[in-house]
Protein backbone atom coordinates (compact mmCIF):
# COMPACT_ATOMS: atom_id res chain seq x y z
CA UNK A 1 56.22 11.01 30.93
CA UNK A 2 56.30 14.27 28.99
CA UNK A 3 53.82 15.81 31.39
CA UNK A 4 56.01 14.96 34.38
CA UNK A 5 59.06 16.50 32.68
CA UNK A 6 57.28 19.68 31.61
CA UNK A 7 55.13 20.26 34.68
CA UNK A 8 57.75 22.17 36.78
CA UNK A 9 58.28 24.82 34.08
CA UNK A 10 54.64 25.32 33.02
CA UNK A 11 54.09 27.72 35.90
CA UNK A 12 56.00 30.69 37.25
CA UNK A 13 55.80 31.11 41.04
CA UNK A 14 57.07 34.69 40.79
CA UNK A 15 54.32 35.77 38.37
CA UNK A 16 50.77 36.16 39.59
CA UNK A 17 48.70 37.92 36.91
CA UNK A 18 45.26 39.20 37.86
CA UNK A 19 42.24 37.21 36.65
CA UNK A 20 40.70 38.31 33.37
CA UNK A 21 37.25 37.95 34.91
CA UNK A 22 37.46 39.76 38.26
CA UNK A 23 34.91 37.55 39.98
CA UNK A 24 36.47 34.26 38.80
CA UNK A 25 39.86 33.33 40.26
CA UNK A 26 40.35 30.49 37.74
CA UNK A 27 40.34 32.96 34.85
CA UNK A 28 43.99 33.92 35.32
CA UNK A 29 45.86 33.84 32.00
CA UNK A 30 48.72 31.37 31.51
CA UNK A 31 52.26 32.59 32.09
CA UNK A 32 55.31 31.62 30.08
CA UNK A 33 58.08 31.04 32.58
CA UNK A 34 61.70 31.89 31.74
CA UNK A 35 62.49 28.24 31.10
CA UNK A 36 59.45 27.73 28.88
CA UNK A 37 60.11 30.99 27.03
CA UNK A 38 63.60 29.79 26.11
CA UNK A 39 62.19 26.48 24.88
CA UNK A 40 59.32 27.80 22.75
CA UNK A 41 61.46 30.52 21.11
CA UNK A 42 64.30 28.17 20.17
CA UNK A 43 64.50 26.08 17.01
CA UNK A 44 66.36 23.28 18.80
CA UNK A 45 63.54 22.36 21.17
CA UNK A 46 60.57 22.53 18.81
CA UNK A 47 59.22 19.69 16.73
CA UNK A 48 60.01 19.90 13.04
CA UNK A 49 56.50 20.97 12.07
CA UNK A 50 56.54 23.91 14.50
CA UNK A 51 58.51 27.11 13.95
CA UNK A 52 60.06 29.05 16.86
CA UNK A 53 57.55 31.24 18.63
CA UNK A 54 57.72 34.99 18.18
CA UNK A 55 58.15 37.14 21.26
CA UNK A 56 54.95 39.11 20.73
CA UNK A 57 52.89 35.91 20.76
CA UNK A 58 53.84 35.35 24.41
CA UNK A 59 51.61 38.23 25.49
CA UNK A 60 49.07 38.32 22.66
CA UNK A 61 48.41 34.94 20.97
CA UNK A 62 47.77 34.95 17.20
CA UNK A 63 44.48 33.09 17.62
CA UNK A 64 43.13 35.88 19.83
CA UNK A 65 40.94 38.48 18.17
CA UNK A 66 42.08 42.10 18.19
CA UNK A 67 38.84 42.88 19.97
CA UNK A 68 40.56 41.64 23.14
CA UNK A 69 42.59 44.87 23.07
CA UNK A 70 40.30 47.68 24.29
CA UNK A 71 42.37 50.30 22.44
CA UNK A 72 42.07 48.62 19.02
CA UNK A 73 39.79 49.88 16.27
CA UNK A 74 38.06 46.48 16.11
CA UNK A 75 37.04 46.81 19.76
CA UNK A 76 35.63 50.30 19.14
CA UNK A 77 33.76 49.18 16.02
CA UNK A 78 32.54 45.68 16.91
CA UNK A 79 32.67 45.87 20.67
CA UNK A 80 35.04 44.17 23.14
CA UNK A 81 35.62 40.44 23.07
CA UNK A 82 33.95 38.27 25.68
CA UNK A 83 36.23 37.74 28.68
CA UNK A 84 35.33 34.08 28.83
CA UNK A 85 36.33 33.63 25.19
CA UNK A 86 39.61 35.42 25.84
CA UNK A 87 40.43 33.03 28.69
CA UNK A 88 39.64 30.01 26.53
CA UNK A 89 41.69 31.29 23.58
CA UNK A 90 44.71 32.07 25.72
CA UNK A 91 44.76 28.70 27.48
CA UNK A 92 44.08 26.81 24.26
CA UNK A 93 47.06 28.47 22.57
CA UNK A 94 49.29 27.95 25.60
CA UNK A 95 48.49 24.23 25.68
CA UNK A 96 49.05 23.81 21.95
CA UNK A 97 52.42 25.58 22.14
CA UNK A 98 54.00 23.69 25.03
CA UNK A 99 52.90 20.33 23.64
CA UNK A 100 55.09 21.00 20.58
CA UNK A 101 58.21 21.37 22.72
CA UNK A 102 60.69 18.60 23.45
CA UNK A 103 61.09 18.31 27.24
CA UNK A 104 64.53 18.87 28.81
CA UNK A 105 65.90 16.25 31.17
CA UNK A 106 67.72 18.73 33.40
CA UNK A 107 69.02 22.28 33.60
CA UNK A 108 72.74 22.85 33.10
CA UNK A 109 74.17 25.65 35.23
CA UNK A 110 77.03 27.32 33.36
CA UNK A 111 79.45 29.66 35.10
CA UNK A 112 81.49 31.70 32.57
CA UNK A 113 83.94 32.92 35.23
CA UNK A 114 85.14 29.40 36.04
CA UNK A 115 84.23 27.79 32.68
CA UNK A 116 82.34 25.02 34.48
CA UNK A 117 78.98 23.39 33.86
CA UNK A 118 76.94 21.22 36.20
CA UNK A 119 73.47 19.67 36.28
CA UNK A 120 73.43 18.59 39.92
CA UNK A 121 70.80 19.56 42.45
CA UNK A 122 73.45 21.37 44.50
CA UNK A 123 74.40 23.57 41.54
CA UNK A 124 70.74 24.46 40.92
CA UNK A 125 70.23 25.32 44.59
CA UNK A 126 73.35 27.49 44.71
CA UNK A 127 72.21 29.35 41.58
CA UNK A 128 68.79 29.86 43.21
CA UNK A 129 66.88 28.27 40.34
CA UNK A 130 64.53 25.34 40.15
CA UNK A 131 65.38 22.11 38.43
CA UNK A 132 63.24 19.83 36.33
CA UNK A 133 61.96 16.35 37.05
CA UNK A 134 65.23 14.47 36.37
CA UNK A 135 67.59 17.09 37.73
CA UNK A 136 70.82 15.52 38.96
CA UNK A 137 70.10 12.08 37.47
CA UNK A 138 72.96 12.31 34.89
CA UNK A 139 70.80 10.58 32.27
CA UNK A 140 71.79 13.13 29.63
CA UNK A 141 75.49 12.48 30.28
CA UNK A 142 74.90 8.72 30.16
CA UNK A 143 73.34 9.01 26.70
CA UNK A 144 76.32 11.05 25.50
CA UNK A 145 78.67 8.36 26.83
CA UNK A 146 76.84 5.73 24.78
CA UNK A 147 77.30 7.82 21.63
CA UNK A 148 80.90 8.72 22.40
CA UNK A 149 83.09 11.23 20.62
CA UNK A 150 82.89 11.58 16.81
CA UNK A 151 86.49 10.36 16.61
CA UNK A 152 87.34 7.75 19.25
CA UNK A 153 90.75 7.56 20.84
CA UNK A 154 93.38 5.62 18.89
CA UNK A 155 93.80 2.06 20.08
CA UNK A 156 97.19 1.09 21.41
CA UNK A 157 99.33 -1.30 19.39
CA UNK A 158 100.54 -4.69 20.58
CA UNK A 159 104.03 -3.32 21.17
CA UNK A 160 102.67 -0.43 23.24
CA UNK A 161 100.59 -2.78 25.36
CA UNK A 162 103.61 -5.02 26.02
CA UNK A 163 105.87 -2.09 26.88
CA UNK A 164 103.49 -0.57 29.42
CA UNK A 165 103.84 -1.58 33.02
CA UNK A 166 101.05 -3.47 34.68
CA UNK A 167 101.02 -1.13 37.63
CA UNK A 168 100.43 1.90 35.40
CA UNK A 169 97.28 3.80 36.26
CA UNK A 170 95.08 4.49 33.27
CA UNK A 171 92.49 7.24 33.02
CA UNK A 172 89.07 5.64 32.95
CA UNK A 173 87.27 7.27 30.03
CA UNK A 174 83.70 6.34 29.11
CA UNK A 175 83.62 3.77 26.33
CA UNK A 176 81.07 4.31 23.59
CA UNK A 177 78.77 1.53 22.43
CA UNK A 178 80.42 -0.79 19.90
CA UNK A 179 77.36 -0.97 17.64
CA UNK A 180 77.12 1.88 15.17
CA UNK A 181 73.37 1.28 14.77
CA UNK A 182 72.82 1.81 18.50
CA UNK A 183 74.99 4.92 18.51
CA UNK A 184 72.99 6.43 15.65
CA UNK A 185 69.73 5.79 17.47
CA UNK A 186 71.03 7.58 20.55
CA UNK A 187 72.34 10.40 18.37
CA UNK A 188 68.82 10.90 17.06
CA UNK A 189 67.55 10.83 20.64
CA UNK A 190 69.99 13.61 21.57
CA UNK A 191 68.47 15.68 18.77
CA UNK A 192 65.16 15.53 20.66
CA UNK A 193 66.64 16.32 24.06
CA UNK A 194 67.26 20.06 24.26
CA UNK A 195 69.92 21.11 26.74
CA UNK A 196 68.45 23.93 28.83
CA UNK A 197 71.39 26.13 29.84
CA UNK A 198 71.25 28.63 32.69
CA UNK A 199 74.08 31.10 32.23
CA UNK A 200 75.10 32.99 35.33
CA UNK A 201 76.01 36.65 34.85
CA UNK A 202 78.17 38.38 37.44
CA UNK A 203 77.00 41.83 36.29
CA UNK A 204 73.28 41.02 36.58
CA UNK A 205 71.10 39.99 39.48
CA UNK A 206 69.77 36.95 37.66
CA UNK A 207 71.04 34.80 34.82
CA UNK A 208 69.46 33.91 31.51
CA UNK A 209 68.26 30.72 29.85
CA UNK A 210 69.17 29.43 26.42
CA UNK A 211 68.73 26.17 24.54
CA UNK A 212 71.53 24.19 22.91
CA UNK A 213 71.95 20.78 21.35
CA UNK A 214 74.54 18.26 22.36
CA UNK A 215 77.71 18.28 20.25
CA UNK A 216 77.16 14.54 19.74
CA UNK A 217 73.64 14.97 18.39
CA UNK A 218 72.88 13.86 14.86
CA UNK A 219 71.17 17.20 14.15
CA UNK A 220 74.06 19.34 15.36
CA UNK A 221 76.14 20.26 12.32
CA UNK A 222 79.44 21.21 13.91
CA UNK A 223 82.23 22.59 11.72
CA UNK A 224 84.66 19.94 10.57
CA UNK A 225 87.65 21.24 12.64
CA UNK A 226 85.61 20.78 15.83
CA UNK A 227 85.00 17.12 14.96
CA UNK A 228 88.67 16.24 14.53
CA UNK A 229 90.20 13.88 17.10
CA UNK A 230 92.45 15.17 19.83
CA UNK A 231 96.19 14.88 19.28
CA UNK A 232 97.68 11.96 21.18
CA UNK A 233 101.19 12.13 22.71
CA UNK A 234 102.73 9.95 19.97
CA UNK A 235 101.45 12.14 17.14
CA UNK A 236 102.52 15.26 19.01
CA UNK A 237 106.03 13.84 19.46
CA UNK A 238 106.31 13.09 15.74
CA UNK A 239 105.12 16.59 14.94
CA UNK A 240 107.69 18.22 17.20
CA UNK A 241 110.42 15.99 15.76
CA UNK A 242 109.45 16.86 12.19
CA UNK A 243 109.91 20.55 12.91
CA UNK A 244 113.41 20.11 14.31
CA UNK A 245 114.79 17.40 11.99
CA UNK A 246 114.94 17.35 8.18
CA UNK A 247 112.82 14.79 6.34
CA UNK A 248 115.87 12.76 5.24
CA UNK A 249 116.78 11.91 8.85
CA UNK A 250 113.24 10.82 9.63
CA UNK A 251 113.35 8.10 6.98
CA UNK A 252 110.92 9.87 4.63
CA UNK A 253 111.59 8.93 1.03
CA UNK A 254 110.81 11.05 -1.95
CA UNK A 255 108.01 9.21 -3.73
CA UNK A 256 107.43 11.85 -6.38
CA UNK A 257 109.34 9.99 -9.12
CA UNK A 258 108.50 10.14 -12.78
CA UNK A 259 107.10 6.82 -14.02
CA UNK A 260 108.88 5.22 -16.95
CA UNK A 261 105.65 4.13 -18.64
CA UNK A 262 102.31 5.92 -18.73
CA UNK A 263 99.02 4.16 -19.20
CA UNK A 264 97.49 4.71 -22.58
CA UNK A 265 100.68 5.68 -24.40
CA UNK A 266 101.93 3.91 -27.46
């Protein structure tokens, strides 16, 4: 399954490097596409035992001898490295690197001008980019719906349910799974599903890729204010009333009274 998800981004159709061995067409070096470059250089999409890849390793792998560079002192002293060995070293490193990457389920196209984000096939086609294997399947969004928000919406009271009309239209919001154990398992799964973001730039000819984690992931340590629940209309009404009316009219009693007996006193 991982191979099917990673296969579309393991090649770059716009890059066609010349073969290292001129007489052998299969000796072309591997190419890190823009999508794969964003994945291997991000800490969110790598397994825990693998650190983010450095930019210079994309063109010259660390397992490759300096003799592969004709201008190096090692090449002048010991002679150039065998071209066949260079091909093997480059492909071996490329395979080892991409296998340590968590595969993305789809590419999210983000438009800063309209503050919108979409993972549909139509959005990818309009942005002139390629999608991945499960592009437009909404599986990522379905997993987030199972987890739900960190603070669910407040349940209505019995009096509120009786006072509402039956013909009232309610907004159908996704309901998270009732089992906390299941939600935690899916939160861990979201930590292994990097969100590949394509950010469109109006000032540039092409956009750029970046990797993010879902806000509902177990590994995403959001600041505490961002995890607070949204203010419901009832709480907002009480807040507005508290600013306009004194506390005595709201029925708030002063509870800061001095006790007549203290514990531990004679």
